[in-house]
Amino acid sequence: MRLVIAEKPSVAQTIAAALGIKGKKDGFIEGGGYLISWCVGHLVQLAEAAAYGEQYRKWQLDSLPILPEEWQYAVDPDKGKQFKTIKELMHRADVSEVVNACDVG
C-alpha cells in the first residue's frame, strides 16, 4: 500500500481521480493499493522559544540567538485531527511507501 500525502484536499482529490480511486474516508481516500491524504497548510511548526526554557518566555536581546541542540516541534492546534490521521496512516502495517506530493515549501 502506498500512502500519498498531498498539500491540500483538492490536490488529493485530483490525484485520486487520476488513479480512479473513489473510496472517501474521514481524512483520506483509499483504493487500488493507495491511501491518499492531505495536509492543510503546515501541520507542524517549530515550537515557541519558551519550550526551550522559561528564560526565553520574554525575549531579551542578550539571550539571542536561541540555538538549541535539538529542535522541538509543535502540531498546529487547529490541525491536530489531520495530523493524527496522517500519523495513523503512516504507521499502518500495510503501508510500504510514503509519497510526498506536496509543494517544495
PDB file of N, CA and C in Angstrom:
ATOM      1  N   MET A   1       0.853  -1.176   0.000  1.00  0.00           N
ATOM      2  CA  MET A   1       0.000   0.000   0.000  1.00  0.00           C
ATOM      3  C   MET A   1       0.896   1.236   0.000  1.00  0.00           C
ATOM      4  N   ARG A   2       0.586   2.169  -0.874  1.00  0.00           N
ATOM      5  CA  ARG A   2       1.321   3.438  -0.948  1.00  0.00           C
ATOM      6  C   ARG A   2       0.487   4.532  -0.299  1.00  0.00           C
ATOM      7  N   LEU A   3       1.117   5.292   0.578  1.00  0.00           N
ATOM      8  CA  LEU A   3       0.480   6.451   1.177  1.00  0.00           C
ATOM      9  C   LEU A   3       0.971   7.687   0.444  1.00  0.00           C
ATOM     10  N   VAL A   4       0.064   8.412  -0.164  1.00  0.00           N
ATOM     11  CA  VAL A   4       0.387   9.641  -0.877  1.00  0.00           C
ATOM     12  C   VAL A   4      -0.133  10.796  -0.030  1.00  0.00           C
ATOM     13  N   ILE A   5       0.743  11.739   0.296  1.00  0.00           N
ATOM     14  CA  ILE A   5       0.347  12.891   1.094  1.00  0.00           C
ATOM     15  C   ILE A   5       0.402  14.131   0.210  1.00  0.00           C
ATOM     16  N   ALA A   6      -0.760  14.720  -0.010  1.00  0.00           N
ATOM     17  CA  ALA A   6      -0.886  15.916  -0.838  1.00  0.00           C
ATOM     18  C   ALA A   6      -0.911  17.156   0.052  1.00  0.00           C
ATOM     19  N   GLU A   7      -0.756  18.306  -0.587  1.00  0.00           N
ATOM     20  CA  GLU A   7      -0.716  19.569   0.154  1.00  0.00           C
ATOM     21  C   GLU A   7      -2.073  19.978   0.701  1.00  0.00           C
ATOM     22  N   LYS A   8      -3.107  19.693  -0.048  1.00  0.00           N
ATOM     23  CA  LYS A   8      -4.450  20.110   0.384  1.00  0.00           C
ATOM     24  C   LYS A   8      -5.476  19.138  -0.182  1.00  0.00           C
ATOM     25  N   PRO A   9      -6.702  19.165   0.364  1.00  0.00           N
ATOM     26  CA  PRO A   9      -7.729  18.206  -0.063  1.00  0.00           C
ATOM     27  C   PRO A   9      -8.005  18.219  -1.562  1.00  0.00           C
ATOM     28  N   SER A  10      -8.035  19.383  -2.186  1.00  0.00           N
ATOM     29  CA  SER A  10      -8.351  19.420  -3.623  1.00  0.00           C
ATOM     30  C   SER A  10      -7.287  18.712  -4.455  1.00  0.00           C
ATOM     31  N   VAL A  11      -6.033  18.815  -4.055  1.00  0.00           N
ATOM     32  CA  VAL A  11      -4.956  18.116  -4.777  1.00  0.00           C
ATOM     33  C   VAL A  11      -5.086  16.610  -4.557  1.00  0.00           C
ATOM     34  N   ALA A  12      -5.422  16.207  -3.336  1.00  0.00           N
ATOM     35  CA  ALA A  12      -5.623  14.782  -3.054  1.00  0.00           C
ATOM     36  C   ALA A  12      -6.761  14.227  -3.907  1.00  0.00           C
ATOM     37  N   GLN A  13      -7.837  14.996  -4.041  1.00  0.00           N
ATOM     38  CA  GLN A  13      -8.965  14.558  -4.856  1.00  0.00           C
ATOM     39  C   GLN A  13      -8.582  14.438  -6.325  1.00  0.00           C
ATOM     40  N   THR A  14      -7.746  15.351  -6.801  1.00  0.00           N
ATOM     41  CA  THR A  14      -7.275  15.292  -8.186  1.00  0.00           C
ATOM     42  C   THR A  14      -6.410  14.059  -8.414  1.00  0.00           C
ATOM     43  N   ILE A  15      -5.528  13.770  -7.469  1.00  0.00           N
ATOM     44  CA  ILE A  15      -4.674  12.580  -7.572  1.00  0.00           C
ATOM     45  C   ILE A  15      -5.543  11.324  -7.559  1.00  0.00           C
ATOM     46  N   ALA A  16      -6.504  11.275  -6.644  1.00  0.00           N
ATOM     47  CA  ALA A  16      -7.398  10.115  -6.555  1.00  0.00           C
ATOM     48  C   ALA A  16      -8.182   9.935  -7.852  1.00  0.00           C
ATOM     49  N   ALA A  17      -8.667  11.027  -8.411  1.00  0.00           N
ATOM     50  CA  ALA A  17      -9.428  10.945  -9.667  1.00  0.00           C
ATOM     51  C   ALA A  17      -8.549  10.409 -10.792  1.00  0.00           C
ATOM     52  N   ALA A  18      -7.302  10.858 -10.851  1.00  0.00           N
ATOM     53  CA  ALA A  18      -6.386  10.393 -11.898  1.00  0.00           C
ATOM     54  C   ALA A  18      -6.102   8.897 -11.771  1.00  0.00           C
ATOM     55  N   LEU A  19      -6.138   8.400 -10.524  1.00  0.00           N
ATOM     56  CA  LEU A  19      -5.898   6.975 -10.277  1.00  0.00           C
ATOM     57  C   LEU A  19      -7.188   6.158 -10.262  1.00  0.00           C
ATOM     58  N   GLY A  20      -8.328   6.823 -10.433  1.00  0.00           N
ATOM     59  CA  GLY A  20      -9.614   6.129 -10.441  1.00  0.00           C
ATOM     60  C   GLY A  20     -10.060   5.650  -9.073  1.00  0.00           C
ATOM     61  N   ILE A  21      -9.660   6.364  -8.031  1.00  0.00           N
ATOM     62  CA  ILE A  21      -9.975   5.960  -6.656  1.00  0.00           C
ATOM     63  C   ILE A  21     -11.117   6.827  -6.125  1.00  0.00           C
ATOM     64  N   LYS A  22     -12.122   6.167  -5.536  1.00  0.00           N
ATOM     65  CA  LYS A  22     -13.288   6.900  -5.049  1.00  0.00           C
ATOM     66  C   LYS A  22     -13.628   6.598  -3.591  1.00  0.00           C
ATOM     67  N   GLY A  23     -12.800   5.850  -2.894  1.00  0.00           N
ATOM     68  CA  GLY A  23     -13.099   5.414  -1.525  1.00  0.00           C
ATOM     69  C   GLY A  23     -12.830   6.473  -0.471  1.00  0.00           C
ATOM     70  N   LYS A  24     -13.683   7.491  -0.407  1.00  0.00           N
ATOM     71  CA  LYS A  24     -13.505   8.611   0.528  1.00  0.00           C
ATOM     72  C   LYS A  24     -13.756   8.152   1.962  1.00  0.00           C
ATOM     73  N   LYS A  25     -12.815   8.465   2.835  1.00  0.00           N
ATOM     74  CA  LYS A  25     -12.911   8.176   4.270  1.00  0.00           C
ATOM     75  C   LYS A  25     -12.768   9.502   5.012  1.00  0.00           C
ATOM     76  N   ASP A  26     -12.703   9.447   6.327  1.00  0.00           N
ATOM     77  CA  ASP A  26     -12.537  10.646   7.138  1.00  0.00           C
ATOM     78  C   ASP A  26     -11.058  11.041   7.158  1.00  0.00           C
ATOM     79  N   GLY A  27     -10.683  12.005   6.333  1.00  0.00           N
ATOM     80  CA  GLY A  27      -9.302  12.486   6.303  1.00  0.00           C
ATOM     81  C   GLY A  27      -8.414  11.831   5.258  1.00  0.00           C
ATOM     82  N   PHE A  28      -8.951  10.921   4.478  1.00  0.00           N
ATOM     83  CA  PHE A  28      -8.154  10.283   3.428  1.00  0.00           C
ATOM     84  C   PHE A  28      -9.058   9.599   2.415  1.00  0.00           C
ATOM     85  N   ILE A  29      -8.447   9.171   1.319  1.00  0.00           N
ATOM     86  CA  ILE A  29      -9.143   8.447   0.251  1.00  0.00           C
ATOM     87  C   ILE A  29      -8.391   7.129   0.073  1.00  0.00           C
ATOM     88  N   GLU A  30      -9.113   6.025  -0.079  1.00  0.00           N
ATOM     89  CA  GLU A  30      -8.467   4.717  -0.158  1.00  0.00           C
ATOM     90  C   GLU A  30      -8.996   3.909  -1.332  1.00  0.00           C
ATOM     91  N   GLY A  31      -8.071   3.198  -2.003  1.00  0.00           N
ATOM     92  CA  GLY A  31      -8.468   2.293  -3.073  1.00  0.00           C
ATOM     93  C   GLY A  31      -7.313   1.976  -3.991  1.00  0.00           C
ATOM     94  N   GLY A  32      -7.384   0.864  -4.654  1.00  0.00           N
ATOM     95  CA  GLY A  32      -6.403   0.492  -5.660  1.00  0.00           C
ATOM     96  C   GLY A  32      -4.974   0.412  -5.159  1.00  0.00           C
ATOM     97  N   GLY A  33      -4.787   0.057  -3.896  1.00  0.00           N
ATOM     98  CA  GLY A  33      -3.434  -0.025  -3.343  1.00  0.00           C
ATOM     99  C   GLY A  33      -2.880   1.312  -2.872  1.00  0.00           C
ATOM    100  N   TYR A  34      -3.725   2.320  -2.808  1.00  0.00           N
ATOM    101  CA  TYR A  34      -3.301   3.659  -2.388  1.00  0.00           C
ATOM    102  C   TYR A  34      -4.126   4.165  -1.208  1.00  0.00           C
ATOM    103  N   LEU A  35      -3.458   4.901  -0.368  1.00  0.00           N
ATOM    104  CA  LEU A  35      -4.080   5.756   0.634  1.00  0.00           C
ATOM    105  C   LEU A  35      -3.655   7.161   0.256  1.00  0.00           C
ATOM    106  N   ILE A  36      -4.585   8.054   0.085  1.00  0.00           N
ATOM    107  CA  ILE A  36      -4.251   9.422  -0.296  1.00  0.00           C
ATOM    108  C   ILE A  36      -4.798  10.347   0.774  1.00  0.00           C
ATOM    109  N   SER A  37      -3.901  11.087   1.404  1.00  0.00           N
ATOM    110  CA  SER A  37      -4.312  12.024   2.440  1.00  0.00           C
ATOM    111  C   SER A  37      -3.735  13.393   2.121  1.00  0.00           C
ATOM    112  N   TRP A  38      -3.950  14.333   2.998  1.00  0.00           N
ATOM    113  CA  TRP A  38      -3.555  15.709   2.705  1.00  0.00           C
ATOM    114  C   TRP A  38      -3.211  16.469   3.973  1.00  0.00           C
ATOM    115  N   CYS A  39      -2.395  17.456   3.774  1.00  0.00           N
ATOM    116  CA  CYS A  39      -2.130  18.439   4.810  1.00  0.00           C
ATOM    117  C   CYS A  39      -3.108  19.594   4.563  1.00  0.00           C
ATOM    118  N   VAL A  40      -3.173  20.489   5.442  1.00  0.00           N
ATOM    119  CA  VAL A  40      -3.959  21.714   5.268  1.00  0.00           C
ATOM    120  C   VAL A  40      -3.024  22.844   5.680  1.00  0.00           C
ATOM    121  N   GLY A  41      -2.086  23.148   4.789  1.00  0.00           N
ATOM    122  CA  GLY A  41      -1.003  24.053   5.173  1.00  0.00           C
ATOM    123  C   GLY A  41       0.022  23.260   5.967  1.00  0.00           C
ATOM    124  N   HIS A  42       0.751  23.933   6.802  1.00  0.00           N
ATOM    125  CA  HIS A  42       1.763  23.263   7.614  1.00  0.00           C
ATOM    126  C   HIS A  42       1.100  22.682   8.851  1.00  0.00           C
ATOM    127  N   LEU A  43       1.201  21.378   9.032  1.00  0.00           N
ATOM    128  CA  LEU A  43       0.609  20.711  10.182  1.00  0.00           C
ATOM    129  C   LEU A  43       1.477  20.868  11.426  1.00  0.00           C
ATOM    130  N   VAL A  44       2.776  21.001  11.218  1.00  0.00           N
ATOM    131  CA  VAL A  44       3.735  21.075  12.315  1.00  0.00           C
ATOM    132  C   VAL A  44       4.577  22.322  12.130  1.00  0.00           C
ATOM    133  N   GLN A  45       4.925  22.939  13.237  1.00  0.00           N
ATOM    134  CA  GLN A  45       5.757  24.146  13.194  1.00  0.00           C
ATOM    135  C   GLN A  45       6.823  24.063  14.283  1.00  0.00           C
ATOM    136  N   LEU A  46       7.791  24.918  14.201  1.00  0.00           N
ATOM    137  CA  LEU A  46       8.790  24.980  15.266  1.00  0.00           C
ATOM    138  C   LEU A  46       8.108  25.423  16.554  1.00  0.00           C
ATOM    139  N   ALA A  47       8.535  24.841  17.668  1.00  0.00           N
ATOM    140  CA  ALA A  47       7.976  25.206  18.967  1.00  0.00           C
ATOM    141  C   ALA A  47       8.365  26.642  19.314  1.00  0.00           C
ATOM    142  N   GLU A  48       7.532  27.269  20.129  1.00  0.00           N
ATOM    143  CA  GLU A  48       7.824  28.620  20.607  1.00  0.00           C
ATOM    144  C   GLU A  48       9.102  28.592  21.451  1.00  0.00           C
ATOM    145  N   ALA A  49       9.753  29.726  21.549  1.00  0.00           N
ATOM    146  CA  ALA A  49      11.015  29.827  22.288  1.00  0.00           C
ATOM    147  C   ALA A  49      10.880  29.352  23.734  1.00  0.00           C
ATOM    148  N   ALA A  50       9.742  29.599  24.367  1.00  0.00           N
ATOM    149  CA  ALA A  50       9.538  29.209  25.768  1.00  0.00           C
ATOM    150  C   ALA A  50       9.624  27.701  25.974  1.00  0.00           C
ATOM    151  N   ALA A  51       9.445  26.911  24.912  1.00  0.00           N
ATOM    152  CA  ALA A  51       9.560  25.458  25.024  1.00  0.00           C
ATOM    153  C   ALA A  51      10.975  25.028  25.391  1.00  0.00           C
ATOM    154  N   TYR A  52      11.938  25.913  25.165  1.00  0.00           N
ATOM    155  CA  TYR A  52      13.339  25.609  25.461  1.00  0.00           C
ATOM    156  C   TYR A  52      13.754  26.093  26.842  1.00  0.00           C
ATOM    157  N   GLY A  53      12.873  26.766  27.536  1.00  0.00           N
ATOM    158  CA  GLY A  53      13.182  27.231  28.885  1.00  0.00           C
ATOM    159  C   GLY A  53      12.419  28.498  29.210  1.00  0.00           C
ATOM    160  N   GLU A  54      12.063  28.638  30.486  1.00  0.00           N
ATOM    161  CA  GLU A  54      11.316  29.812  30.938  1.00  0.00           C
ATOM    162  C   GLU A  54      12.052  31.114  30.651  1.00  0.00           C
ATOM    163  N   GLN A  55      13.370  31.071  30.630  1.00  0.00           N
ATOM    164  CA  GLN A  55      14.148  32.288  30.379  1.00  0.00           C
ATOM    165  C   GLN A  55      13.882  32.868  28.992  1.00  0.00           C
ATOM    166  N   TYR A  56      13.290  32.076  28.111  1.00  0.00           N
ATOM    167  CA  TYR A  56      13.011  32.557  26.755  1.00  0.00           C
ATOM    168  C   TYR A  56      11.550  32.997  26.565  1.00  0.00           C
ATOM    169  N   ARG A  57      10.744  32.899  27.643  1.00  0.00           N
ATOM    170  CA  ARG A  57       9.339  33.304  27.524  1.00  0.00           C
ATOM    171  C   ARG A  57       9.236  34.781  27.160  1.00  0.00           C
ATOM    172  N   LYS A  58      10.070  35.598  27.757  1.00  0.00           N
ATOM    173  CA  LYS A  58      10.127  37.018  27.419  1.00  0.00           C
ATOM    174  C   LYS A  58      11.480  37.252  26.745  1.00  0.00           C
ATOM    175  N   TRP A  59      11.424  37.685  25.524  1.00  0.00           N
ATOM    176  CA  TRP A  59      12.647  37.838  24.742  1.00  0.00           C
ATOM    177  C   TRP A  59      13.506  38.968  25.284  1.00  0.00           C
ATOM    178  N   GLN A  60      14.808  38.688  25.313  1.00  0.00           N
ATOM    179  CA  GLN A  60      15.791  39.698  25.678  1.00  0.00           C
ATOM    180  C   GLN A  60      16.930  39.611  24.674  1.00  0.00           C
ATOM    181  N   LEU A  61      17.438  40.756  24.293  1.00  0.00           N
ATOM    182  CA  LEU A  61      18.477  40.803  23.272  1.00  0.00           C
ATOM    183  C   LEU A  61      19.698  39.970  23.646  1.00  0.00           C
ATOM    184  N   ASP A  62      20.057  39.947  24.931  1.00  0.00           N
ATOM    185  CA  ASP A  62      21.259  39.212  25.336  1.00  0.00           C
ATOM    186  C   ASP A  62      21.081  37.688  25.305  1.00  0.00           C
ATOM    187  N   SER A  63      19.848  37.189  25.161  1.00  0.00           N
ATOM    188  CA  SER A  63      19.645  35.741  25.083  1.00  0.00           C
ATOM    189  C   SER A  63      19.576  35.236  23.637  1.00  0.00           C
ATOM    190  N   LEU A  64      19.721  36.143  22.690  1.00  0.00           N
ATOM    191  CA  LEU A  64      19.669  35.764  21.280  1.00  0.00           C
ATOM    192  C   LEU A  64      21.063  35.542  20.725  1.00  0.00           C
ATOM    193  N   PRO A  65      21.285  34.700  19.786  1.00  0.00           N
ATOM    194  CA  PRO A  65      20.286  33.817  19.172  1.00  0.00           C
ATOM    195  C   PRO A  65      20.008  32.598  20.056  1.00  0.00           C
ATOM    196  N   ILE A  66      18.843  32.049  19.917  1.00  0.00           N
ATOM    197  CA  ILE A  66      18.476  30.819  20.619  1.00  0.00           C
ATOM    198  C   ILE A  66      18.801  29.670  19.670  1.00  0.00           C
ATOM    199  N   LEU A  67      19.812  28.904  20.015  1.00  0.00           N
ATOM    200  CA  LEU A  67      20.257  27.798  19.158  1.00  0.00           C
ATOM    201  C   LEU A  67      20.238  26.494  19.958  1.00  0.00           C
ATOM    202  N   PRO A  68      19.096  25.841  20.035  1.00  0.00           N
ATOM    203  CA  PRO A  68      19.005  24.599  20.812  1.00  0.00           C
ATOM    204  C   PRO A  68      19.797  23.470  20.171  1.00  0.00           C
ATOM    205  N   GLU A  69      20.227  22.533  21.005  1.00  0.00           N
ATOM    206  CA  GLU A  69      20.931  21.367  20.469  1.00  0.00           C
ATOM    207  C   GLU A  69      19.975  20.479  19.672  1.00  0.00           C
ATOM    208  N   GLU A  70      18.735  20.423  20.111  1.00  0.00           N
ATOM    209  CA  GLU A  70      17.723  19.632  19.403  1.00  0.00           C
ATOM    210  C   GLU A  70      16.471  20.493  19.258  1.00  0.00           C
ATOM    211  N   TRP A  71      16.026  20.683  18.022  1.00  0.00           N
ATOM    212  CA  TRP A  71      14.851  21.500  17.757  1.00  0.00           C
ATOM    213  C   TRP A  71      13.594  20.768  18.194  1.00  0.00           C
ATOM    214  N   GLN A  72      12.644  21.523  18.725  1.00  0.00           N
ATOM    215  CA  GLN A  72      11.357  20.969  19.131  1.00  0.00           C
ATOM    216  C   GLN A  72      10.289  21.457  18.160  1.00  0.00           C
ATOM    217  N   TYR A  73       9.272  20.637  18.018  1.00  0.00           N
ATOM    218  CA  TYR A  73       8.191  20.944  17.089  1.00  0.00           C
ATOM    219  C   TYR A  73       6.850  20.873  17.809  1.00  0.00           C
ATOM    220  N   ALA A  74       5.871  21.559  17.258  1.00  0.00           N
ATOM    221  CA  ALA A  74       4.521  21.550  17.829  1.00  0.00           C
ATOM    222  C   ALA A  74       3.513  21.388  16.699  1.00  0.00           C
ATOM    223  N   VAL A  75       2.496  20.591  16.948  1.00  0.00           N
ATOM    224  CA  VAL A  75       1.417  20.431  15.980  1.00  0.00           C
ATOM    225  C   VAL A  75       0.528  21.661  16.080  1.00  0.00           C
ATOM    226  N   ASP A  76       0.188  22.236  14.941  1.00  0.00           N
ATOM    227  CA  ASP A  76      -0.714  23.380  14.917  1.00  0.00           C
ATOM    228  C   ASP A  76      -2.022  22.946  15.579  1.00  0.00           C
ATOM    229  N   PRO A  77      -2.482  23.693  16.581  1.00  0.00           N
ATOM    230  CA  PRO A  77      -3.669  23.268  17.325  1.00  0.00           C
ATOM    231  C   PRO A  77      -4.921  23.079  16.461  1.00  0.00           C
ATOM    232  N   ASP A  78      -5.060  23.835  15.399  1.00  0.00           N
ATOM    233  CA  ASP A  78      -6.236  23.723  14.540  1.00  0.00           C
ATOM    234  C   ASP A  78      -6.145  22.549  13.566  1.00  0.00           C
ATOM    235  N   LYS A  79      -4.988  21.895  13.515  1.00  0.00           N
ATOM    236  CA  LYS A  79      -4.782  20.849  12.518  1.00  0.00           C
ATOM    237  C   LYS A  79      -4.449  19.498  13.147  1.00  0.00           C
ATOM    238  N   GLY A  80      -4.705  19.389  14.438  1.00  0.00           N
ATOM    239  CA  GLY A  80      -4.374  18.168  15.171  1.00  0.00           C
ATOM    240  C   GLY A  80      -5.061  16.919  14.647  1.00  0.00           C
ATOM    241  N   LYS A  81      -6.320  17.043  14.244  1.00  0.00           N
ATOM    242  CA  LYS A  81      -7.061  15.875  13.758  1.00  0.00           C
ATOM    243  C   LYS A  81      -6.430  15.316  12.486  1.00  0.00           C
ATOM    244  N   GLN A  82      -6.076  16.201  11.538  1.00  0.00           N
ATOM    245  CA  GLN A  82      -5.485  15.722  10.287  1.00  0.00           C
ATOM    246  C   GLN A  82      -4.078  15.184  10.528  1.00  0.00           C
ATOM    247  N   PHE A  83      -3.326  15.802  11.435  1.00  0.00           N
ATOM    248  CA  PHE A  83      -2.003  15.286  11.791  1.00  0.00           C
ATOM    249  C   PHE A  83      -2.139  13.862  12.331  1.00  0.00           C
ATOM    250  N   LYS A  84      -3.109  13.650  13.223  1.00  0.00           N
ATOM    251  CA  LYS A  84      -3.322  12.324  13.799  1.00  0.00           C
ATOM    252  C   LYS A  84      -3.695  11.316  12.717  1.00  0.00           C
ATOM    253  N   THR A  85      -4.537  11.720  11.777  1.00  0.00           N
ATOM    254  CA  THR A  85      -4.936  10.835  10.680  1.00  0.00           C
ATOM    255  C   THR A  85      -3.717  10.401   9.873  1.00  0.00           C
ATOM    256  N   ILE A  86      -2.891  11.358   9.483  1.00  0.00           N
ATOM    257  CA  ILE A  86      -1.701  11.030   8.685  1.00  0.00           C
ATOM    258  C   ILE A  86      -0.740  10.154   9.475  1.00  0.00           C
ATOM    259  N   LYS A  87      -0.551  10.469  10.748  1.00  0.00           N
ATOM    260  CA  LYS A  87       0.340   9.664  11.592  1.00  0.00           C
ATOM    261  C   LYS A  87      -0.147   8.219  11.677  1.00  0.00           C
ATOM    262  N   GLU A  88      -1.463   8.039  11.876  1.00  0.00           N
ATOM    263  CA  GLU A  88      -2.017   6.680  11.935  1.00  0.00           C
ATOM    264  C   GLU A  88      -1.843   5.953  10.608  1.00  0.00           C
ATOM    265  N   LEU A  89      -2.059   6.650   9.501  1.00  0.00           N
ATOM    266  CA  LEU A  89      -1.880   6.029   8.185  1.00  0.00           C
ATOM    267  C   LEU A  89      -0.418   5.617   7.977  1.00  0.00           C
ATOM    268  N   MET A  90       0.509   6.469   8.386  1.00  0.00           N
ATOM    269  CA  MET A  90       1.933   6.156   8.208  1.00  0.00           C
ATOM    270  C   MET A  90       2.356   4.922   9.008  1.00  0.00           C
ATOM    271  N   HIS A  91       1.666   4.668  10.110  1.00  0.00           N
ATOM    272  CA  HIS A  91       2.034   3.539  10.964  1.00  0.00           C
ATOM    273  C   HIS A  91       1.223   2.273  10.681  1.00  0.00           C
ATOM    274  N   ARG A  92       0.384   2.310   9.668  1.00  0.00           N
ATOM    275  CA  ARG A  92      -0.353   1.099   9.313  1.00  0.00           C
ATOM    276  C   ARG A  92       0.613   0.029   8.825  1.00  0.00           C
ATOM    277  N   ALA A  93       0.361  -1.186   9.218  1.00  0.00           N
ATOM    278  CA  ALA A  93       1.249  -2.301   8.857  1.00  0.00           C
ATOM    279  C   ALA A  93       1.311  -2.531   7.355  1.00  0.00           C
ATOM    280  N   ASP A  94       0.249  -2.188   6.628  1.00  0.00           N
ATOM    281  CA  ASP A  94       0.226  -2.450   5.191  1.00  0.00           C
ATOM    282  C   ASP A  94       0.837  -1.329   4.353  1.00  0.00           C
ATOM    283  N   VAL A  95       1.306  -0.257   4.979  1.00  0.00           N
ATOM    284  CA  VAL A  95       1.917   0.859   4.227  1.00  0.00           C
ATOM    285  C   VAL A  95       3.409   0.568   4.048  1.00  0.00           C
ATOM    286  N   SER A  96       3.815   0.484   2.784  1.00  0.00           N
ATOM    287  CA  SER A  96       5.220   0.179   2.486  1.00  0.00           C
ATOM    288  C   SER A  96       5.961   1.385   1.918  1.00  0.00           C
ATOM    289  N   GLU A  97       5.217   2.378   1.434  1.00  0.00           N
ATOM    290  CA  GLU A  97       5.843   3.568   0.837  1.00  0.00           C
ATOM    291  C   GLU A  97       5.045   4.815   1.224  1.00  0.00           C
ATOM    292  N   VAL A  98       5.768   5.921   1.369  1.00  0.00           N
ATOM    293  CA  VAL A  98       5.124   7.222   1.570  1.00  0.00           C
ATOM    294  C   VAL A  98       5.601   8.124   0.455  1.00  0.00           C
ATOM    295  N   VAL A  99       4.652   8.722  -0.269  1.00  0.00           N
ATOM    296  CA  VAL A  99       4.959   9.622  -1.377  1.00  0.00           C
ATOM    297  C   VAL A  99       4.602  11.037  -0.966  1.00  0.00           C
ATOM    298  N   ASN A 100       5.573  11.942  -1.014  1.00  0.00           N
ATOM    299  CA  ASN A 100       5.332  13.347  -0.712  1.00  0.00           C
ATOM    300  C   ASN A 100       4.866  14.025  -1.997  1.00  0.00           C
ATOM    301  N   ALA A 101       3.575  14.364  -2.027  1.00  0.00           N
ATOM    302  CA  ALA A 101       3.016  15.043  -3.195  1.00  0.00           C
ATOM    303  C   ALA A 101       2.679  16.489  -2.857  1.00  0.00           C
ATOM    304  N   CYS A 102       3.446  17.063  -1.918  1.00  0.00           N
ATOM    305  CA  CYS A 102       3.262  18.455  -1.525  1.00  0.00           C
ATOM    306  C   CYS A 102       4.175  19.349  -2.366  1.00  0.00           C
ATOM    307  N   ASP A 103       3.981  20.655  -2.242  1.00  0.00           N
ATOM    308  CA  ASP A 103       4.889  21.550  -2.962  1.00  0.00           C
ATOM    309  C   ASP A 103       6.220  21.666  -2.215  1.00  0.00           C
ATOM    310  N   VAL A 104       7.164  22.349  -2.806  1.00  0.00           N
ATOM    311  CA  VAL A 104       8.505  22.417  -2.243  1.00  0.00           C
ATOM    312  C   VAL A 104       8.594  23.247  -0.960  1.00  0.00           C
ATOM    313  N   GLY A 105       7.584  24.047  -0.667  1.00  0.00           N
ATOM    314  CA  GLY A 105       7.595  24.884   0.551  1.00  0.00           C
ATOM    315  C   GLY A 105       7.411  24.026   1.773  1.00  0.00           C
TER     316      GLY A 105
END
